[in-house]
Every structure is written in structure tokens, then in C-alpha cells.
Amino acid sequence: MNEEIKIEKNVPILNPRTGTGLCIAVRNAISEMEVGDSFIVPESWTSSRQSDKSKRAVNALVYKEFRDRGWASTCRINENNKFRCWRTK
């Protein structure tokens, strides 16, 4: 169990908010929303084995995108187990 760890130099730090389809899609959808509008999160975003964890992660991303605009949101799981997010303010 004495594995060596290789130290690398000059590797740029990745920005978690750019370059992912999820972030871009969420930003685009939210930018077009008016108060009372909602969207269903695509199942592919939350259909992993850890779907509760995925839904919390999407909820956090949605919350941050709304907050950055000074807006408010809420997300709920509906009767069909679909994850829906609304702009509330």
C-alpha cells in the first residue's frame, strides 16, 4: 500500500460552472423565464443510481443561477417523480 502520488505542475484549475451541458442548459432556460414559469429537469440529469444526490445537486445549481440574478425559485418532485423548478420572484 505504498503507492506514490505524482505531483503535476501547471495544470489549470477547471471552472465547474463552464463547459458542462447541464450548466449551460440551466443558464439558458433560466435566462428566459418569467415569474410563474417552470421547467421539468430532464430525466437524464437525475437518473443516476444516486438520484436523490443528483436532484440535490441540480437544485443547488438552479438555486444559485436564480440567486445570481436576484430572483427566487423552488423545485419539487411531482406525482410522476419528475423534478420541476419554478421561478417565484
N, C-alpha and C. Protein backbone atom coordinates (compact mmCIF):
# COMPACT_ATOMS: atom_id res chain seq x y z
N MET A 1 0.82 -1.20 0.00
CA MET A 1 0.00 0.00 0.00
C MET A 1 0.85 1.25 0.00
N ASN A 2 1.98 1.18 -0.53
CA ASN A 2 2.87 2.33 -0.55
C ASN A 2 2.93 2.92 -1.95
N GLU A 3 1.79 3.35 -2.46
CA GLU A 3 1.73 3.91 -3.80
C GLU A 3 2.26 5.33 -3.77
N GLU A 4 2.92 5.70 -4.84
CA GLU A 4 3.42 7.07 -4.95
C GLU A 4 2.36 7.95 -5.59
N ILE A 5 2.35 9.18 -5.18
CA ILE A 5 1.47 10.17 -5.78
C ILE A 5 2.32 11.06 -6.64
N LYS A 6 1.91 11.18 -7.90
CA LYS A 6 2.65 12.01 -8.85
C LYS A 6 2.15 13.45 -8.73
N ILE A 7 3.06 14.36 -8.50
CA ILE A 7 2.73 15.78 -8.42
C ILE A 7 2.92 16.38 -9.80
N GLU A 8 1.90 17.11 -10.27
CA GLU A 8 1.97 17.73 -11.59
C GLU A 8 1.96 19.23 -11.44
N LYS A 9 2.66 19.89 -12.31
CA LYS A 9 2.77 21.35 -12.28
C LYS A 9 2.03 21.96 -13.47
N ASN A 10 1.56 23.19 -13.28
CA ASN A 10 0.94 23.98 -14.34
C ASN A 10 -0.31 23.35 -14.95
N VAL A 11 -1.08 22.65 -14.16
CA VAL A 11 -2.36 22.11 -14.61
C VAL A 11 -3.42 23.14 -14.22
N PRO A 12 -4.13 23.73 -15.19
CA PRO A 12 -5.11 24.76 -14.84
C PRO A 12 -6.26 24.20 -14.04
N ILE A 13 -6.77 25.02 -13.12
CA ILE A 13 -7.92 24.63 -12.31
C ILE A 13 -9.17 24.78 -13.18
N LEU A 14 -9.98 23.73 -13.21
CA LEU A 14 -11.19 23.76 -14.01
C LEU A 14 -12.27 24.56 -13.31
N ASN A 15 -13.02 25.31 -14.08
CA ASN A 15 -14.15 26.05 -13.54
C ASN A 15 -15.38 25.16 -13.62
N PRO A 16 -15.98 24.78 -12.50
CA PRO A 16 -17.11 23.86 -12.53
C PRO A 16 -18.37 24.44 -13.17
N ARG A 17 -18.43 25.75 -13.38
CA ARG A 17 -19.63 26.37 -13.94
C ARG A 17 -19.59 26.47 -15.45
N THR A 18 -18.48 26.11 -16.07
CA THR A 18 -18.41 26.22 -17.52
C THR A 18 -18.08 24.87 -18.13
N GLY A 19 -18.50 24.71 -19.35
CA GLY A 19 -18.11 23.53 -20.09
C GLY A 19 -18.98 22.31 -19.90
N THR A 20 -20.00 22.39 -19.06
CA THR A 20 -20.87 21.23 -18.91
C THR A 20 -22.22 21.54 -19.51
N GLY A 21 -22.80 20.57 -20.16
CA GLY A 21 -24.10 20.76 -20.79
C GLY A 21 -25.18 21.13 -19.80
N LEU A 22 -25.09 20.58 -18.61
CA LEU A 22 -26.08 20.87 -17.57
C LEU A 22 -26.07 22.34 -17.21
N CYS A 23 -24.90 22.87 -16.91
CA CYS A 23 -24.81 24.28 -16.52
C CYS A 23 -25.31 25.19 -17.62
N ILE A 24 -24.90 24.93 -18.84
CA ILE A 24 -25.29 25.77 -19.97
C ILE A 24 -26.79 25.70 -20.19
N ALA A 25 -27.35 24.50 -20.17
CA ALA A 25 -28.79 24.34 -20.38
C ALA A 25 -29.59 25.03 -19.29
N VAL A 26 -29.15 24.90 -18.04
CA VAL A 26 -29.86 25.54 -16.93
C VAL A 26 -29.80 27.05 -17.08
N ARG A 27 -28.63 27.59 -17.36
CA ARG A 27 -28.50 29.03 -17.52
C ARG A 27 -29.38 29.55 -18.65
N ASN A 28 -29.40 28.84 -19.77
CA ASN A 28 -30.21 29.28 -20.91
C ASN A 28 -31.69 29.26 -20.57
N ALA A 29 -32.14 28.19 -19.92
CA ALA A 29 -33.56 28.09 -19.56
C ALA A 29 -33.95 29.18 -18.57
N ILE A 30 -33.14 29.37 -17.56
CA ILE A 30 -33.47 30.35 -16.51
C ILE A 30 -33.47 31.77 -17.07
N SER A 31 -32.57 32.06 -17.98
CA SER A 31 -32.48 33.42 -18.52
C SER A 31 -33.75 33.83 -19.26
N GLU A 32 -34.52 32.87 -19.74
CA GLU A 32 -35.74 33.16 -20.50
C GLU A 32 -37.00 33.13 -19.64
N MET A 33 -36.88 32.81 -18.36
CA MET A 33 -38.07 32.61 -17.53
C MET A 33 -38.64 33.91 -16.98
N GLU A 34 -39.96 33.90 -16.81
CA GLU A 34 -40.66 34.97 -16.12
C GLU A 34 -41.25 34.38 -14.84
N VAL A 35 -41.66 35.23 -13.92
CA VAL A 35 -42.26 34.76 -12.67
C VAL A 35 -43.45 33.85 -12.99
N GLY A 36 -43.49 32.69 -12.36
CA GLY A 36 -44.56 31.72 -12.58
C GLY A 36 -44.20 30.64 -13.59
N ASP A 37 -43.15 30.87 -14.41
CA ASP A 37 -42.71 29.86 -15.37
C ASP A 37 -42.02 28.72 -14.64
N SER A 38 -42.02 27.54 -15.26
CA SER A 38 -41.33 26.40 -14.67
C SER A 38 -40.77 25.52 -15.78
N PHE A 39 -39.91 24.61 -15.39
CA PHE A 39 -39.39 23.61 -16.33
C PHE A 39 -39.18 22.30 -15.60
N ILE A 40 -39.30 21.21 -16.35
CA ILE A 40 -39.01 19.89 -15.81
C ILE A 40 -37.56 19.57 -16.13
N VAL A 41 -36.83 19.18 -15.11
CA VAL A 41 -35.43 18.82 -15.29
C VAL A 41 -35.38 17.51 -16.09
N PRO A 42 -34.60 17.48 -17.19
CA PRO A 42 -34.52 16.24 -17.97
C PRO A 42 -34.11 15.05 -17.10
N GLU A 43 -34.76 13.94 -17.33
CA GLU A 43 -34.53 12.75 -16.52
C GLU A 43 -33.07 12.30 -16.57
N SER A 44 -32.42 12.52 -17.68
CA SER A 44 -31.01 12.09 -17.81
C SER A 44 -30.11 12.80 -16.81
N TRP A 45 -30.53 13.97 -16.31
CA TRP A 45 -29.73 14.70 -15.33
C TRP A 45 -29.83 14.09 -13.94
N THR A 46 -30.90 13.36 -13.68
CA THR A 46 -31.13 12.87 -12.32
C THR A 46 -31.38 11.37 -12.27
N SER A 47 -31.04 10.65 -13.32
CA SER A 47 -31.39 9.23 -13.36
C SER A 47 -30.24 8.31 -12.95
N SER A 48 -29.25 8.85 -12.31
CA SER A 48 -28.14 8.01 -11.87
C SER A 48 -28.60 7.15 -10.69
N ARG A 49 -27.74 6.24 -10.27
CA ARG A 49 -28.06 5.39 -9.12
C ARG A 49 -28.26 6.22 -7.87
N GLN A 50 -27.65 7.39 -7.83
CA GLN A 50 -27.77 8.27 -6.66
C GLN A 50 -28.72 9.41 -7.00
N SER A 51 -29.92 9.09 -7.44
CA SER A 51 -30.82 10.12 -7.95
C SER A 51 -31.15 11.19 -6.92
N ASP A 52 -31.27 10.84 -5.64
CA ASP A 52 -31.54 11.86 -4.63
C ASP A 52 -30.39 12.85 -4.55
N LYS A 53 -29.17 12.34 -4.62
CA LYS A 53 -27.99 13.20 -4.60
C LYS A 53 -27.97 14.07 -5.86
N SER A 54 -28.30 13.48 -7.01
CA SER A 54 -28.32 14.23 -8.27
C SER A 54 -29.35 15.34 -8.21
N LYS A 55 -30.53 15.04 -7.66
CA LYS A 55 -31.58 16.05 -7.57
C LYS A 55 -31.17 17.18 -6.65
N ARG A 56 -30.49 16.87 -5.58
CA ARG A 56 -30.00 17.93 -4.68
C ARG A 56 -28.97 18.79 -5.40
N ALA A 57 -28.12 18.17 -6.21
CA ALA A 57 -27.10 18.91 -6.94
C ALA A 57 -27.74 19.84 -7.97
N VAL A 58 -28.73 19.32 -8.69
CA VAL A 58 -29.45 20.16 -9.67
C VAL A 58 -30.17 21.29 -8.95
N ASN A 59 -30.80 20.98 -7.83
CA ASN A 59 -31.50 22.01 -7.06
C ASN A 59 -30.53 23.11 -6.63
N ALA A 60 -29.34 22.74 -6.19
CA ALA A 60 -28.34 23.72 -5.78
C ALA A 60 -27.90 24.58 -6.97
N LEU A 61 -27.71 23.95 -8.12
CA LEU A 61 -27.32 24.69 -9.31
C LEU A 61 -28.41 25.67 -9.73
N VAL A 62 -29.65 25.21 -9.75
CA VAL A 62 -30.78 26.06 -10.11
C VAL A 62 -30.89 27.23 -9.12
N TYR A 63 -30.82 26.92 -7.83
CA TYR A 63 -30.90 27.96 -6.80
C TYR A 63 -29.84 29.02 -7.02
N LYS A 64 -28.61 28.61 -7.28
CA LYS A 64 -27.52 29.57 -7.48
C LYS A 64 -27.74 30.42 -8.72
N GLU A 65 -28.19 29.81 -9.80
CA GLU A 65 -28.42 30.58 -11.03
C GLU A 65 -29.51 31.64 -10.81
N PHE A 66 -30.58 31.28 -10.09
CA PHE A 66 -31.62 32.26 -9.79
C PHE A 66 -31.08 33.34 -8.85
N ARG A 67 -30.39 32.93 -7.81
CA ARG A 67 -29.87 33.88 -6.83
C ARG A 67 -28.93 34.88 -7.48
N ASP A 68 -28.09 34.42 -8.41
CA ASP A 68 -27.15 35.31 -9.09
C ASP A 68 -27.87 36.41 -9.87
N ARG A 69 -29.12 36.16 -10.25
CA ARG A 69 -29.91 37.16 -10.97
C ARG A 69 -30.80 37.99 -10.03
N GLY A 70 -30.77 37.67 -8.74
CA GLY A 70 -31.62 38.35 -7.78
C GLY A 70 -33.05 37.84 -7.80
N TRP A 71 -33.26 36.65 -8.36
CA TRP A 71 -34.58 36.03 -8.45
C TRP A 71 -34.71 34.94 -7.40
N ALA A 72 -35.90 34.38 -7.28
CA ALA A 72 -36.14 33.28 -6.35
C ALA A 72 -36.73 32.10 -7.12
N SER A 73 -36.52 30.91 -6.57
CA SER A 73 -37.03 29.70 -7.22
C SER A 73 -37.42 28.67 -6.18
N THR A 74 -38.13 27.66 -6.64
CA THR A 74 -38.41 26.50 -5.82
C THR A 74 -38.46 25.30 -6.75
N CYS A 75 -38.03 24.15 -6.25
CA CYS A 75 -38.05 22.91 -7.02
C CYS A 75 -38.78 21.85 -6.21
N ARG A 76 -39.56 21.05 -6.92
CA ARG A 76 -40.34 19.99 -6.27
C ARG A 76 -40.33 18.74 -7.15
N ILE A 77 -40.54 17.61 -6.50
CA ILE A 77 -40.72 16.35 -7.23
C ILE A 77 -42.22 16.12 -7.31
N ASN A 78 -42.76 15.99 -8.54
CA ASN A 78 -44.20 15.85 -8.70
C ASN A 78 -44.66 14.41 -8.58
N GLU A 79 -45.96 14.19 -8.79
CA GLU A 79 -46.53 12.86 -8.61
C GLU A 79 -45.98 11.83 -9.60
N ASN A 80 -45.41 12.26 -10.70
CA ASN A 80 -44.82 11.34 -11.69
C ASN A 80 -43.32 11.16 -11.45
N ASN A 81 -42.85 11.62 -10.29
CA ASN A 81 -41.43 11.56 -9.93
C ASN A 81 -40.57 12.38 -10.88
N LYS A 82 -41.15 13.43 -11.43
CA LYS A 82 -40.42 14.38 -12.27
C LYS A 82 -40.00 15.55 -11.39
N PHE A 83 -38.84 16.08 -11.68
CA PHE A 83 -38.26 17.18 -10.90
C PHE A 83 -38.55 18.49 -11.62
N ARG A 84 -39.39 19.34 -11.02
CA ARG A 84 -39.80 20.59 -11.67
C ARG A 84 -39.31 21.78 -10.85
N CYS A 85 -38.85 22.82 -11.56
CA CYS A 85 -38.37 24.05 -10.92
C CYS A 85 -39.17 25.24 -11.44
N TRP A 86 -39.56 26.14 -10.52
CA TRP A 86 -40.32 27.33 -10.85
C TRP A 86 -39.53 28.59 -10.51
N ARG A 87 -39.77 29.65 -11.28
CA ARG A 87 -39.31 30.99 -10.89
C ARG A 87 -40.43 31.59 -10.07
N THR A 88 -40.12 32.00 -8.83
CA THR A 88 -41.15 32.52 -7.93
C THR A 88 -41.06 34.01 -7.70
N LYS A 89 -39.96 34.64 -8.07
CA LYS A 89 -39.79 36.07 -7.85
C LYS A 89 -38.88 36.65 -8.89
